[in-house]
Amino acid sequence: GMEALGDGELGAQKWKLKGGMTRLSSCLQHDITGRGAVIRTSSVVESVSGTERIQVCLKSGHRFTCDRVVFALSPQLVAGIRFDPDLPVDRKAINNALLPGHAIKVILVFDEAFWLDSKSACTLPFMELGPVHNLFHTQVGEKPALVGLITGAAALACETLEKEERKRRVLDQIKVMYGVASEPVVYLERVWGQEEF
């Protein structure tokens, strides 16, 4: 079930793919294009028309005809595409009902993995200590790192903050959790709620 996808040493999120997730996408792309398919990325679709031969029009002005189209995009973005014939009512209802979640991913790279010292770890629930709802350790290059997710209402509240303020809140939480006020050598974040796609 979903528990297998969770954090911690037994959770699937701790596992890494050699070469990163981009490698998985690249391998899939190579396999598909090797069988004659065409993949268009970074292409905003304006309209799709037809049933047997499908005409796809991009906002860039490019047009092409194909037998089938697969869209890899968030369901709520489908509302911005004109379809002729129109999508079935139940399909549109599903797309409209699937709202995007709010999430911010943070990666903090340190010189030392101080969080592995279990004597210093706080046992209070994450959500009582700060905005980060789950946290797990990883490596960035040769350096130890912490990866955290700020989700739901906490992410919504943090989306409007300046990057330095989000960083301060995350570091304050880590200080309470581990009793260490170490400054990361690198701080990275992705505020997904601020991205159109």
Foldseek 3Di string as FASTA:
>chain_A
DCQCCDDDPNHPVQDADVVGPVVVVVVVVCVVVVVPDDDDPPWAWAEWEDQQWIWTATPVGDIDIDRDDDDDDQLLSVVNYYYVVDDDPVSNVVSVVDDDWWKKKKKFWAQDPLVVPVVQFDDDQLVVQFQFRDKHWDDDVPTIMIMTMRTDPSRVVCVPDDPVVVVVRVLSSVCNGRVDNGHGPDMDMDGPVPDPD
